[in-house]
Amino acid sequence: QVQLVESGGGLVQAGGSLRLSCAASGNTFTINAMGWYRQVPGKQREFVAGLSSSGRPSYTESAKGRFTFSRDNAKNIVYLQMNSLKSEDTAVYYCRAYVGRGVEYWGQGTQVIVSS
């Protein structure tokens, strides 16, 4: 079992920045990949940024150049630094951990609201 707890969401003006954190606990040694996703009401959850077992971060097109995925292995925390935020970034952001064999874990989500 892996537990994920996100934090760092909030209300920010367009052009501002936020840093989301996701703390993992439990059997963290089983995690193959971690990522950030977001969801707005009425839409499917979408990939934002992540890190695969290869160690290379990847980003959705709209996040490139503005968001940065990073991790602190010692603390089992991953971050999503979000700069130059836009109103369309407003969503609930979720942390996901994939441990293989189709097993994944999700955090409870953290709300990000970008006011224009």
PDB file of N, CA and C in Angstrom:
ATOM      1  N   GLN A   1       0.830  -1.190   0.000  1.00  0.00           N
ATOM      2  CA  GLN A   1       0.000   0.000   0.000  1.00  0.00           C
ATOM      3  C   GLN A   1       0.871   1.247   0.000  1.00  0.00           C
ATOM      4  N   VAL A   2       0.420   2.229  -0.722  1.00  0.00           N
ATOM      5  CA  VAL A   2       1.083   3.534  -0.761  1.00  0.00           C
ATOM      6  C   VAL A   2       0.039   4.597  -0.443  1.00  0.00           C
ATOM      7  N   GLN A   3       0.406   5.511   0.408  1.00  0.00           N
ATOM      8  CA  GLN A   3      -0.478   6.632   0.716  1.00  0.00           C
ATOM      9  C   GLN A   3       0.137   7.909   0.165  1.00  0.00           C
ATOM     10  N   LEU A   4      -0.712   8.751  -0.399  1.00  0.00           N
ATOM     11  CA  LEU A   4      -0.267  10.006  -1.003  1.00  0.00           C
ATOM     12  C   LEU A   4      -1.073  11.156  -0.423  1.00  0.00           C
ATOM     13  N   VAL A   5      -0.389  12.193  -0.034  1.00  0.00           N
ATOM     14  CA  VAL A   5      -1.058  13.376   0.512  1.00  0.00           C
ATOM     15  C   VAL A   5      -0.534  14.610  -0.212  1.00  0.00           C
ATOM     16  N   GLU A   6      -1.437  15.290  -0.899  1.00  0.00           N
ATOM     17  CA  GLU A   6      -1.070  16.508  -1.613  1.00  0.00           C
ATOM     18  C   GLU A   6      -1.293  17.733  -0.726  1.00  0.00           C
ATOM     19  N   SER A   7      -0.557  18.771  -1.032  1.00  0.00           N
ATOM     20  CA  SER A   7      -0.747  20.058  -0.373  1.00  0.00           C
ATOM     21  C   SER A   7      -0.205  21.152  -1.278  1.00  0.00           C
ATOM     22  N   GLY A   8      -0.515  22.381  -0.922  1.00  0.00           N
ATOM     23  CA  GLY A   8       0.040  23.512  -1.649  1.00  0.00           C
ATOM     24  C   GLY A   8      -0.914  24.217  -2.582  1.00  0.00           C
ATOM     25  N   GLY A   9      -2.108  23.689  -2.740  1.00  0.00           N
ATOM     26  CA  GLY A   9      -3.066  24.365  -3.595  1.00  0.00           C
ATOM     27  C   GLY A   9      -3.576  25.642  -2.952  1.00  0.00           C
ATOM     28  N   GLY A  10      -4.326  26.394  -3.739  1.00  0.00           N
ATOM     29  CA  GLY A  10      -4.884  27.627  -3.209  1.00  0.00           C
ATOM     30  C   GLY A  10      -5.351  28.540  -4.307  1.00  0.00           C
ATOM     31  N   LEU A  11      -5.597  29.776  -3.920  1.00  0.00           N
ATOM     32  CA  LEU A  11      -6.067  30.804  -4.849  1.00  0.00           C
ATOM     33  C   LEU A  11      -4.904  31.714  -5.213  1.00  0.00           C
ATOM     34  N   VAL A  12      -4.716  31.930  -6.490  1.00  0.00           N
ATOM     35  CA  VAL A  12      -3.617  32.764  -6.952  1.00  0.00           C
ATOM     36  C   VAL A  12      -4.079  33.559  -8.165  1.00  0.00           C
ATOM     37  N   GLN A  13      -3.502  34.719  -8.336  1.00  0.00           N
ATOM     38  CA  GLN A  13      -3.842  35.526  -9.503  1.00  0.00           C
ATOM     39  C   GLN A  13      -3.126  35.000 -10.739  1.00  0.00           C
ATOM     40  N   ALA A  14      -3.708  35.253 -11.876  1.00  0.00           N
ATOM     41  CA  ALA A  14      -3.069  34.868 -13.128  1.00  0.00           C
ATOM     42  C   ALA A  14      -1.670  35.474 -13.200  1.00  0.00           C
ATOM     43  N   GLY A  15      -0.727  34.668 -13.647  1.00  0.00           N
ATOM     44  CA  GLY A  15       0.656  35.094 -13.698  1.00  0.00           C
ATOM     45  C   GLY A  15       1.447  34.721 -12.463  1.00  0.00           C
ATOM     46  N   GLY A  16       0.753  34.293 -11.439  1.00  0.00           N
ATOM     47  CA  GLY A  16       1.408  33.930 -10.192  1.00  0.00           C
ATOM     48  C   GLY A  16       1.936  32.502 -10.201  1.00  0.00           C
ATOM     49  N   SER A  17       2.410  32.074  -9.038  1.00  0.00           N
ATOM     50  CA  SER A  17       3.041  30.762  -8.906  1.00  0.00           C
ATOM     51  C   SER A  17       2.497  30.022  -7.697  1.00  0.00           C
ATOM     52  N   LEU A  18       2.542  28.726  -7.788  1.00  0.00           N
ATOM     53  CA  LEU A  18       2.240  27.843  -6.671  1.00  0.00           C
ATOM     54  C   LEU A  18       3.166  26.641  -6.751  1.00  0.00           C
ATOM     55  N   ARG A  19       3.444  26.063  -5.606  1.00  0.00           N
ATOM     56  CA  ARG A  19       4.188  24.808  -5.586  1.00  0.00           C
ATOM     57  C   ARG A  19       3.366  23.762  -4.859  1.00  0.00           C
ATOM     58  N   LEU A  20       3.039  22.724  -5.576  1.00  0.00           N
ATOM     59  CA  LEU A  20       2.308  21.606  -4.990  1.00  0.00           C
ATOM     60  C   LEU A  20       3.292  20.565  -4.484  1.00  0.00           C
ATOM     61  N   SER A  21       2.910  19.927  -3.398  1.00  0.00           N
ATOM     62  CA  SER A  21       3.716  18.858  -2.831  1.00  0.00           C
ATOM     63  C   SER A  21       2.877  17.597  -2.709  1.00  0.00           C
ATOM     64  N   CYS A  22       3.540  16.467  -2.849  1.00  0.00           N
ATOM     65  CA  CYS A  22       2.885  15.176  -2.666  1.00  0.00           C
ATOM     66  C   CYS A  22       3.814  14.304  -1.847  1.00  0.00           C
ATOM     67  N   ALA A  23       3.377  14.015  -0.634  1.00  0.00           N
ATOM     68  CA  ALA A  23       4.169  13.184   0.260  1.00  0.00           C
ATOM     69  C   ALA A  23       3.687  11.742   0.170  1.00  0.00           C
ATOM     70  N   ALA A  24       4.607  10.857  -0.106  1.00  0.00           N
ATOM     71  CA  ALA A  24       4.285   9.436  -0.206  1.00  0.00           C
ATOM     72  C   ALA A  24       4.748   8.708   1.046  1.00  0.00           C
ATOM     73  N   SER A  25       3.948   7.751   1.462  1.00  0.00           N
ATOM     74  CA  SER A  25       4.307   6.928   2.610  1.00  0.00           C
ATOM     75  C   SER A  25       3.838   5.501   2.347  1.00  0.00           C
ATOM     76  N   GLY A  26       4.254   4.606   3.227  1.00  0.00           N
ATOM     77  CA  GLY A  26       3.923   3.207   3.043  1.00  0.00           C
ATOM     78  C   GLY A  26       5.020   2.512   2.260  1.00  0.00           C
ATOM     79  N   ASN A  27       4.634   1.640   1.350  1.00  0.00           N
ATOM     80  CA  ASN A  27       5.601   0.869   0.566  1.00  0.00           C
ATOM     81  C   ASN A  27       6.118   1.681  -0.616  1.00  0.00           C
ATOM     82  N   THR A  28       6.806   2.767  -0.308  1.00  0.00           N
ATOM     83  CA  THR A  28       7.270   3.668  -1.365  1.00  0.00           C
ATOM     84  C   THR A  28       8.306   3.017  -2.269  1.00  0.00           C
ATOM     85  N   PHE A  29       8.957   1.974  -1.774  1.00  0.00           N
ATOM     86  CA  PHE A  29       9.977   1.301  -2.583  1.00  0.00           C
ATOM     87  C   PHE A  29       9.355   0.583  -3.783  1.00  0.00           C
ATOM     88  N   THR A  30       8.039   0.403  -3.763  1.00  0.00           N
ATOM     89  CA  THR A  30       7.361  -0.274  -4.863  1.00  0.00           C
ATOM     90  C   THR A  30       6.981   0.673  -6.002  1.00  0.00           C
ATOM     91  N   ILE A  31       7.151   1.958  -5.793  1.00  0.00           N
ATOM     92  CA  ILE A  31       6.698   2.944  -6.782  1.00  0.00           C
ATOM     93  C   ILE A  31       7.610   2.949  -8.007  1.00  0.00           C
ATOM     94  N   ASN A  32       7.006   2.751  -9.175  1.00  0.00           N
ATOM     95  CA  ASN A  32       7.743   2.807 -10.438  1.00  0.00           C
ATOM     96  C   ASN A  32       7.725   4.191 -11.057  1.00  0.00           C
ATOM     97  N   ALA A  33       6.619   4.863 -10.908  1.00  0.00           N
ATOM     98  CA  ALA A  33       6.471   6.167 -11.542  1.00  0.00           C
ATOM     99  C   ALA A  33       5.509   7.017 -10.734  1.00  0.00           C
ATOM    100  N   MET A  34       5.720   8.320 -10.806  1.00  0.00           N
ATOM    101  CA  MET A  34       4.809   9.245 -10.124  1.00  0.00           C
ATOM    102  C   MET A  34       4.462  10.379 -11.059  1.00  0.00           C
ATOM    103  N   GLY A  35       3.294  10.929 -10.845  1.00  0.00           N
ATOM    104  CA  GLY A  35       2.870  12.002 -11.722  1.00  0.00           C
ATOM    105  C   GLY A  35       1.816  12.878 -11.098  1.00  0.00           C
ATOM    106  N   TRP A  36       1.611  13.992 -11.751  1.00  0.00           N
ATOM    107  CA  TRP A  36       0.558  14.927 -11.372  1.00  0.00           C
ATOM    108  C   TRP A  36      -0.505  14.949 -12.466  1.00  0.00           C
ATOM    109  N   TYR A  37      -1.727  14.937 -12.035  1.00  0.00           N
ATOM    110  CA  TYR A  37      -2.865  15.008 -12.932  1.00  0.00           C
ATOM    111  C   TYR A  37      -3.797  16.103 -12.427  1.00  0.00           C
ATOM    112  N   ARG A  38      -4.708  16.524 -13.274  1.00  0.00           N
ATOM    113  CA  ARG A  38      -5.682  17.517 -12.835  1.00  0.00           C
ATOM    114  C   ARG A  38      -7.033  17.221 -13.465  1.00  0.00           C
ATOM    115  N   GLN A  39      -8.051  17.734 -12.800  1.00  0.00           N
ATOM    116  CA  GLN A  39      -9.409  17.478 -13.261  1.00  0.00           C
ATOM    117  C   GLN A  39     -10.289  18.675 -12.947  1.00  0.00           C
ATOM    118  N   VAL A  40     -11.104  19.024 -13.928  1.00  0.00           N
ATOM    119  CA  VAL A  40     -12.123  20.052 -13.729  1.00  0.00           C
ATOM    120  C   VAL A  40     -13.478  19.370 -13.825  1.00  0.00           C
ATOM    121  N   PRO A  41     -14.491  19.929 -13.204  1.00  0.00           N
ATOM    122  CA  PRO A  41     -15.814  19.296 -13.225  1.00  0.00           C
ATOM    123  C   PRO A  41     -16.303  19.055 -14.649  1.00  0.00           C
ATOM    124  N   GLY A  42     -16.791  17.858 -14.872  1.00  0.00           N
ATOM    125  CA  GLY A  42     -17.338  17.521 -16.172  1.00  0.00           C
ATOM    126  C   GLY A  42     -16.324  17.051 -17.193  1.00  0.00           C
ATOM    127  N   LYS A  43     -15.074  17.035 -16.804  1.00  0.00           N
ATOM    128  CA  LYS A  43     -14.031  16.594 -17.738  1.00  0.00           C
ATOM    129  C   LYS A  43     -13.231  15.447 -17.142  1.00  0.00           C
ATOM    130  N   GLN A  44     -12.561  14.721 -18.021  1.00  0.00           N
ATOM    131  CA  GLN A  44     -11.727  13.624 -17.549  1.00  0.00           C
ATOM    132  C   GLN A  44     -10.462  14.147 -16.898  1.00  0.00           C
ATOM    133  N   ARG A  45      -9.965  13.358 -16.007  1.00  0.00           N
ATOM    134  CA  ARG A  45      -8.687  13.692 -15.378  1.00  0.00           C
ATOM    135  C   ARG A  45      -7.599  13.621 -16.449  1.00  0.00           C
ATOM    136  N   GLU A  46      -6.713  14.612 -16.437  1.00  0.00           N
ATOM    137  CA  GLU A  46      -5.681  14.654 -17.467  1.00  0.00           C
ATOM    138  C   GLU A  46      -4.285  14.703 -16.859  1.00  0.00           C
ATOM    139  N   PHE A  47      -3.343  14.158 -17.581  1.00  0.00           N
ATOM    140  CA  PHE A  47      -1.952  14.159 -17.173  1.00  0.00           C
ATOM    141  C   PHE A  47      -1.381  15.567 -17.274  1.00  0.00           C
ATOM    142  N   VAL A  48      -0.592  15.951 -16.283  1.00  0.00           N
ATOM    143  CA  VAL A  48       0.069  17.253 -16.284  1.00  0.00           C
ATOM    144  C   VAL A  48       1.586  17.087 -16.376  1.00  0.00           C
ATOM    145  N   ALA A  49       2.155  16.323 -15.473  1.00  0.00           N
ATOM    146  CA  ALA A  49       3.600  16.143 -15.439  1.00  0.00           C
ATOM    147  C   ALA A  49       3.892  14.874 -14.666  1.00  0.00           C
ATOM    148  N   GLY A  50       5.035  14.265 -14.995  1.00  0.00           N
ATOM    149  CA  GLY A  50       5.360  13.038 -14.289  1.00  0.00           C
ATOM    150  C   GLY A  50       6.786  12.602 -14.494  1.00  0.00           C
ATOM    151  N   LEU A  51       7.142  11.585 -13.759  1.00  0.00           N
ATOM    152  CA  LEU A  51       8.485  11.032 -13.801  1.00  0.00           C
ATOM    153  C   LEU A  51       8.371   9.526 -13.880  1.00  0.00           C
ATOM    154  N   SER A  52       8.918   8.965 -14.947  1.00  0.00           N
ATOM    155  CA  SER A  52       8.857   7.522 -15.105  1.00  0.00           C
ATOM    156  C   SER A  52      10.073   6.879 -14.445  1.00  0.00           C
ATOM    157  N   SER A  53      10.132   5.563 -14.507  1.00  0.00           N
ATOM    158  CA  SER A  53      11.258   4.839 -13.925  1.00  0.00           C
ATOM    159  C   SER A  53      12.562   5.162 -14.629  1.00  0.00           C
ATOM    160  N   SER A  54      12.476   5.694 -15.848  1.00  0.00           N
ATOM    161  CA  SER A  54      13.689   6.084 -16.579  1.00  0.00           C
ATOM    162  C   SER A  54      14.322   7.337 -15.995  1.00  0.00           C
ATOM    163  N   GLY A  55      13.551   8.068 -15.198  1.00  0.00           N
ATOM    164  CA  GLY A  55      14.081   9.265 -14.565  1.00  0.00           C
ATOM    165  C   GLY A  55      13.856  10.541 -15.323  1.00  0.00           C
ATOM    166  N   ARG A  56      13.236  10.449 -16.485  1.00  0.00           N
ATOM    167  CA  ARG A  56      13.010  11.634 -17.289  1.00  0.00           C
ATOM    168  C   ARG A  56      11.619  12.199 -17.017  1.00  0.00           C
ATOM    169  N   PRO A  57      11.534  13.488 -16.701  1.00  0.00           N
ATOM    170  CA  PRO A  57      10.212  14.080 -16.517  1.00  0.00           C
ATOM    171  C   PRO A  57       9.534  14.326 -17.858  1.00  0.00           C
ATOM    172  N   SER A  58       8.254  14.276 -17.838  1.00  0.00           N
ATOM    173  CA  SER A  58       7.488  14.584 -19.037  1.00  0.00           C
ATOM    174  C   SER A  58       6.349  15.517 -18.652  1.00  0.00           C
ATOM    175  N   TYR A  59       5.896  16.295 -19.614  1.00  0.00           N
ATOM    176  CA  TYR A  59       4.879  17.311 -19.352  1.00  0.00           C
ATOM    177  C   TYR A  59       3.844  17.328 -20.465  1.00  0.00           C
ATOM    178  N   THR A  60       2.641  17.691 -20.082  1.00  0.00           N
ATOM    179  CA  THR A  60       1.663  17.958 -21.113  1.00  0.00           C
ATOM    180  C   THR A  60       2.058  19.244 -21.814  1.00  0.00           C
ATOM    181  N   GLU A  61       1.617  19.403 -23.029  1.00  0.00           N
ATOM    182  CA  GLU A  61       2.065  20.532 -23.847  1.00  0.00           C
ATOM    183  C   GLU A  61       1.825  21.875 -23.160  1.00  0.00           C
ATOM    184  N   SER A  62       0.673  22.021 -22.534  1.00  0.00           N
ATOM    185  CA  SER A  62       0.334  23.312 -21.934  1.00  0.00           C
ATOM    186  C   SER A  62       1.175  23.633 -20.699  1.00  0.00           C
ATOM    187  N   ALA A  63       1.842  22.637 -20.155  1.00  0.00           N
ATOM    188  CA  ALA A  63       2.651  22.836 -18.961  1.00  0.00           C
ATOM    189  C   ALA A  63       4.124  23.076 -19.283  1.00  0.00           C
ATOM    190  N   LYS A  64       4.528  22.756 -20.463  1.00  0.00           N
ATOM    191  CA  LYS A  64       5.939  22.900 -20.825  1.00  0.00           C
ATOM    192  C   LYS A  64       6.385  24.358 -20.732  1.00  0.00           C
ATOM    193  N   GLY A  65       7.506  24.555 -20.087  1.00  0.00           N
ATOM    194  CA  GLY A  65       8.038  25.892 -19.936  1.00  0.00           C
ATOM    195  C   GLY A  65       7.483  26.658 -18.750  1.00  0.00           C
ATOM    196  N   ARG A  66       6.413  26.146 -18.158  1.00  0.00           N
ATOM    197  CA  ARG A  66       5.802  26.834 -17.014  1.00  0.00           C
ATOM    198  C   ARG A  66       5.848  25.990 -15.742  1.00  0.00           C
ATOM    199  N   PHE A  67       5.694  24.679 -15.881  1.00  0.00           N
ATOM    200  CA  PHE A  67       5.664  23.784 -14.726  1.00  0.00           C
ATOM    201  C   PHE A  67       6.948  22.979 -14.665  1.00  0.00           C
ATOM    202  N   THR A  68       7.350  22.666 -13.439  1.00  0.00           N
ATOM    203  CA  THR A  68       8.535  21.843 -13.239  1.00  0.00           C
ATOM    204  C   THR A  68       8.232  20.751 -12.224  1.00  0.00           C
ATOM    205  N   PHE A  69       8.491  19.523 -12.620  1.00  0.00           N
ATOM    206  CA  PHE A  69       8.332  18.369 -11.732  1.00  0.00           C
ATOM    207  C   PHE A  69       9.677  18.101 -11.071  1.00  0.00           C
ATOM    208  N   SER A  70       9.642  17.896  -9.761  1.00  0.00           N
ATOM    209  CA  SER A  70      10.877  17.546  -9.069  1.00  0.00           C
ATOM    210  C   SER A  70      10.558  16.604  -7.920  1.00  0.00           C
ATOM    211  N   ARG A  71      11.589  16.011  -7.361  1.00  0.00           N
ATOM    212  CA  ARG A  71      11.375  15.072  -6.269  1.00  0.00           C
ATOM    213  C   ARG A  71      12.511  15.150  -5.265  1.00  0.00           C
ATOM    214  N   ASP A  72      12.165  14.814  -4.039  1.00  0.00           N
ATOM    215  CA  ASP A  72      13.130  14.686  -2.967  1.00  0.00           C
ATOM    216  C   ASP A  72      13.059  13.237  -2.512  1.00  0.00           C
ATOM    217  N   ASN A  73      13.988  12.438  -2.994  1.00  0.00           N
ATOM    218  CA  ASN A  73      13.931  11.004  -2.704  1.00  0.00           C
ATOM    219  C   ASN A  73      14.079  10.709  -1.213  1.00  0.00           C
ATOM    220  N   ALA A  74      14.868  11.510  -0.541  1.00  0.00           N
ATOM    221  CA  ALA A  74      15.106  11.269   0.886  1.00  0.00           C
ATOM    222  C   ALA A  74      13.826  11.438   1.693  1.00  0.00           C
ATOM    223  N   LYS A  75      12.982  12.373   1.251  1.00  0.00           N
ATOM    224  CA  LYS A  75      11.744  12.667   1.975  1.00  0.00           C
ATOM    225  C   LYS A  75      10.524  12.002   1.345  1.00  0.00           C
ATOM    226  N   ASN A  76      10.723  11.329   0.221  1.00  0.00           N
ATOM    227  CA  ASN A  76       9.596  10.717  -0.504  1.00  0.00           C
ATOM    228  C   ASN A  76       8.531  11.752  -0.844  1.00  0.00           C
ATOM    229  N   ILE A  77       8.969  12.868  -1.340  1.00  0.00           N
ATOM    230  CA  ILE A  77       8.060  13.945  -1.724  1.00  0.00           C
ATOM    231  C   ILE A  77       8.325  14.318  -3.186  1.00  0.00           C
ATOM    232  N   VAL A  78       7.271  14.517  -3.931  1.00  0.00           N
ATOM    233  CA  VAL A  78       7.396  15.072  -5.275  1.00  0.00           C
ATOM    234  C   VAL A  78       6.704  16.425  -5.293  1.00  0.00           C
ATOM    235  N   TYR A  79       7.200  17.277  -6.161  1.00  0.00           N
ATOM    236  CA  TYR A  79       6.691  18.630  -6.236  1.00  0.00           C
ATOM    237  C   TYR A  79       6.259  18.970  -7.658  1.00  0.00           C
ATOM    238  N   LEU A  80       5.410  19.942  -7.734  1.00  0.00           N
ATOM    239  CA  LEU A  80       5.063  20.522  -9.020  1.00  0.00           C
ATOM    240  C   LEU A  80       5.113  22.031  -8.850  1.00  0.00           C
ATOM    241  N   GLN A  81       6.167  22.618  -9.376  1.00  0.00           N
ATOM    242  CA  GLN A  81       6.291  24.065  -9.355  1.00  0.00           C
ATOM    243  C   GLN A  81       5.547  24.618 -10.555  1.00  0.00           C
ATOM    244  N   MET A  82       4.576  25.459 -10.291  1.00  0.00           N
ATOM    245  CA  MET A  82       3.747  26.010 -11.362  1.00  0.00           C
ATOM    246  C   MET A  82       3.939  27.518 -11.414  1.00  0.00           C
ATOM    247  N   ASN A  83       4.468  27.984 -12.518  1.00  0.00           N
ATOM    248  CA  ASN A  83       4.687  29.412 -12.735  1.00  0.00           C
ATOM    249  C   ASN A  83       3.812  29.920 -13.870  1.00  0.00           C
ATOM    250  N   SER A  84       3.689  31.225 -13.948  1.00  0.00           N
ATOM    251  CA  SER A  84       2.902  31.856 -15.023  1.00  0.00           C
ATOM    252  C   SER A  84       1.529  31.205 -15.151  1.00  0.00           C
ATOM    253  N   LEU A  85       0.878  31.063 -14.017  1.00  0.00           N
ATOM    254  CA  LEU A  85      -0.405  30.361 -14.008  1.00  0.00           C
ATOM    255  C   LEU A  85      -1.466  31.119 -14.796  1.00  0.00           C
ATOM    256  N   LYS A  86      -2.331  30.335 -15.417  1.00  0.00           N
ATOM    257  CA  LYS A  86      -3.415  30.873 -16.230  1.00  0.00           C
ATOM    258  C   LYS A  86      -4.739  30.379 -15.666  1.00  0.00           C
ATOM    259  N   SER A  87      -5.796  31.062 -16.023  1.00  0.00           N
ATOM    260  CA  SER A  87      -7.115  30.670 -15.520  1.00  0.00           C
ATOM    261  C   SER A  87      -7.451  29.238 -15.913  1.00  0.00           C
ATOM    262  N   GLU A  88      -6.963  28.816 -17.058  1.00  0.00           N
ATOM    263  CA  GLU A  88      -7.253  27.448 -17.512  1.00  0.00           C
ATOM    264  C   GLU A  88      -6.493  26.375 -16.729  1.00  0.00           C
ATOM    265  N   ASP A  89      -5.610  26.796 -15.849  1.00  0.00           N
ATOM    266  CA  ASP A  89      -4.933  25.848 -14.952  1.00  0.00           C
ATOM    267  C   ASP A  89      -5.787  25.530 -13.727  1.00  0.00           C
ATOM    268  N   THR A  90      -6.886  26.239 -13.575  1.00  0.00           N
ATOM    269  CA  THR A  90      -7.773  25.977 -12.446  1.00  0.00           C
ATOM    270  C   THR A  90      -8.311  24.561 -12.513  1.00  0.00           C
ATOM    271  N   ALA A  91      -8.103  23.810 -11.438  1.00  0.00           N
ATOM    272  CA  ALA A  91      -8.511  22.409 -11.396  1.00  0.00           C
ATOM    273  C   ALA A  91      -8.174  21.846 -10.022  1.00  0.00           C
ATOM    274  N   VAL A  92      -8.626  20.631  -9.794  1.00  0.00           N
ATOM    275  CA  VAL A  92      -8.142  19.865  -8.650  1.00  0.00           C
ATOM    276  C   VAL A  92      -6.949  19.056  -9.151  1.00  0.00           C
ATOM    277  N   TYR A  93      -5.848  19.181  -8.465  1.00  0.00           N
ATOM    278  CA  TYR A  93      -4.625  18.499  -8.853  1.00  0.00           C
ATOM    279  C   TYR A  93      -4.428  17.262  -7.982  1.00  0.00           C
ATOM    280  N   TYR A  94      -4.133  16.165  -8.648  1.00  0.00           N
ATOM    281  CA  TYR A  94      -3.958  14.887  -7.966  1.00  0.00           C
ATOM    282  C   TYR A  94      -2.560  14.336  -8.202  1.00  0.00           C
ATOM    283  N   CYS A  95      -2.061  13.685  -7.202  1.00  0.00           N
ATOM    284  CA  CYS A  95      -0.803  12.970  -7.285  1.00  0.00           C
ATOM    285  C   CYS A  95      -1.111  11.491  -7.514  1.00  0.00           C
ATOM    286  N   ARG A  96      -0.329  10.860  -8.379  1.00  0.00           N
ATOM    287  CA  ARG A  96      -0.531   9.451  -8.697  1.00  0.00           C
ATOM    288  C   ARG A  96       0.787   8.705  -8.571  1.00  0.00           C
ATOM    289  N   ALA A  97       0.706   7.525  -8.001  1.00  0.00           N
ATOM    290  CA  ALA A  97       1.867   6.640  -7.927  1.00  0.00           C
ATOM    291  C   ALA A  97       1.501   5.316  -8.587  1.00  0.00           C
ATOM    292  N   TYR A  98       2.364   4.873  -9.467  1.00  0.00           N
ATOM    293  CA  TYR A  98       2.146   3.604 -10.156  1.00  0.00           C
ATOM    294  C   TYR A  98       3.187   2.607  -9.654  1.00  0.00           C
ATOM    295  N   VAL A  99       2.691   1.424  -9.222  1.00  0.00           N
ATOM    296  CA  VAL A  99       3.609   0.436  -8.655  1.00  0.00           C
ATOM    297  C   VAL A  99       3.751  -0.789  -9.539  1.00  0.00           C
ATOM    298  N   GLY A 100       3.100  -0.775 -10.693  1.00  0.00           N
ATOM    299  CA  GLY A 100       3.219  -1.910 -11.604  1.00  0.00           C
ATOM    300  C   GLY A 100       2.015  -2.829 -11.542  1.00  0.00           C
ATOM    301  N   ARG A 101       1.924  -3.715 -12.544  1.00  0.00           N
ATOM    302  CA  ARG A 101       0.838  -4.694 -12.640  1.00  0.00           C
ATOM    303  C   ARG A 101      -0.523  -4.019 -12.580  1.00  0.00           C
ATOM    304  N   GLY A 102      -0.599  -2.812 -13.107  1.00  0.00           N
ATOM    305  CA  GLY A 102      -1.870  -2.110 -13.172  1.00  0.00           C
ATOM    306  C   GLY A 102      -2.341  -1.507 -11.873  1.00  0.00           C
ATOM    307  N   VAL A 103      -1.477  -1.519 -10.871  1.00  0.00           N
ATOM    308  CA  VAL A 103      -1.861  -0.990  -9.561  1.00  0.00           C
ATOM    309  C   VAL A 103      -1.385   0.456  -9.431  1.00  0.00           C
ATOM    310  N   GLU A 104      -2.284   1.319  -9.086  1.00  0.00           N
ATOM    311  CA  GLU A 104      -1.951   2.721  -8.913  1.00  0.00           C
ATOM    312  C   GLU A 104      -2.636   3.260  -7.666  1.00  0.00           C
ATOM    313  N   TYR A 105      -2.067   4.336  -7.160  1.00  0.00           N
ATOM    314  CA  TYR A 105      -2.624   4.997  -5.988  1.00  0.00           C
ATOM    315  C   TYR A 105      -2.775   6.482  -6.291  1.00  0.00           C
ATOM    316  N   TRP A 106      -3.796   7.077  -5.677  1.00  0.00           N
ATOM    317  CA  TRP A 106      -4.074   8.492  -5.873  1.00  0.00           C
ATOM    318  C   TRP A 106      -4.187   9.202  -4.538  1.00  0.00           C
ATOM    319  N   GLY A 107      -3.803  10.451  -4.549  1.00  0.00           N
ATOM    320  CA  GLY A 107      -4.037  11.277  -3.379  1.00  0.00           C
ATOM    321  C   GLY A 107      -5.451  11.828  -3.391  1.00  0.00           C
ATOM    322  N   GLN A 108      -5.754  12.631  -2.403  1.00  0.00           N
ATOM    323  CA  GLN A 108      -7.104  13.159  -2.264  1.00  0.00           C
ATOM    324  C   GLN A 108      -7.344  14.400  -3.113  1.00  0.00           C
ATOM    325  N   GLY A 109      -6.287  14.969  -3.625  1.00  0.00           N
ATOM    326  CA  GLY A 109      -6.397  16.140  -4.486  1.00  0.00           C
ATOM    327  C   GLY A 109      -6.228  17.441  -3.729  1.00  0.00           C
ATOM    328  N   THR A 110      -5.759  18.446  -4.430  1.00  0.00           N
ATOM    329  CA  THR A 110      -5.630  19.786  -3.867  1.00  0.00           C
ATOM    330  C   THR A 110      -6.132  20.782  -4.912  1.00  0.00           C
ATOM    331  N   GLN A 111      -6.967  21.711  -4.463  1.00  0.00           N
ATOM    332  CA  GLN A 111      -7.615  22.637  -5.385  1.00  0.00           C
ATOM    333  C   GLN A 111      -6.694  23.793  -5.731  1.00  0.00           C
ATOM    334  N   VAL A 112      -6.616  24.086  -7.008  1.00  0.00           N
ATOM    335  CA  VAL A 112      -5.897  25.266  -7.500  1.00  0.00           C
ATOM    336  C   VAL A 112      -6.899  26.146  -8.234  1.00  0.00           C
ATOM    337  N   ILE A 113      -6.978  27.399  -7.811  1.00  0.00           N
ATOM    338  CA  ILE A 113      -7.864  28.356  -8.466  1.00  0.00           C
ATOM    339  C   ILE A 113      -7.026  29.544  -8.919  1.00  0.00           C
ATOM    340  N   VAL A 114      -7.077  29.809 -10.194  1.00  0.00           N
ATOM    341  CA  VAL A 114      -6.334  30.931 -10.761  1.00  0.00           C
ATOM    342  C   VAL A 114      -7.337  31.983 -11.202  1.00  0.00           C
ATOM    343  N   SER A 115      -7.263  33.134 -10.577  1.00  0.00           N
ATOM    344  CA  SER A 115      -8.202  34.206 -10.906  1.00  0.00           C
ATOM    345  C   SER A 115      -7.607  35.107 -11.979  1.00  0.00           C
ATOM    346  N   SER A 116      -8.448  35.500 -12.890  1.00  0.00           N
ATOM    347  CA  SER A 116      -7.967  36.331 -13.999  1.00  0.00           C
ATOM    348  C   SER A 116      -8.234  37.803 -13.728  1.00  0.00           C
TER     349      SER A 116
END
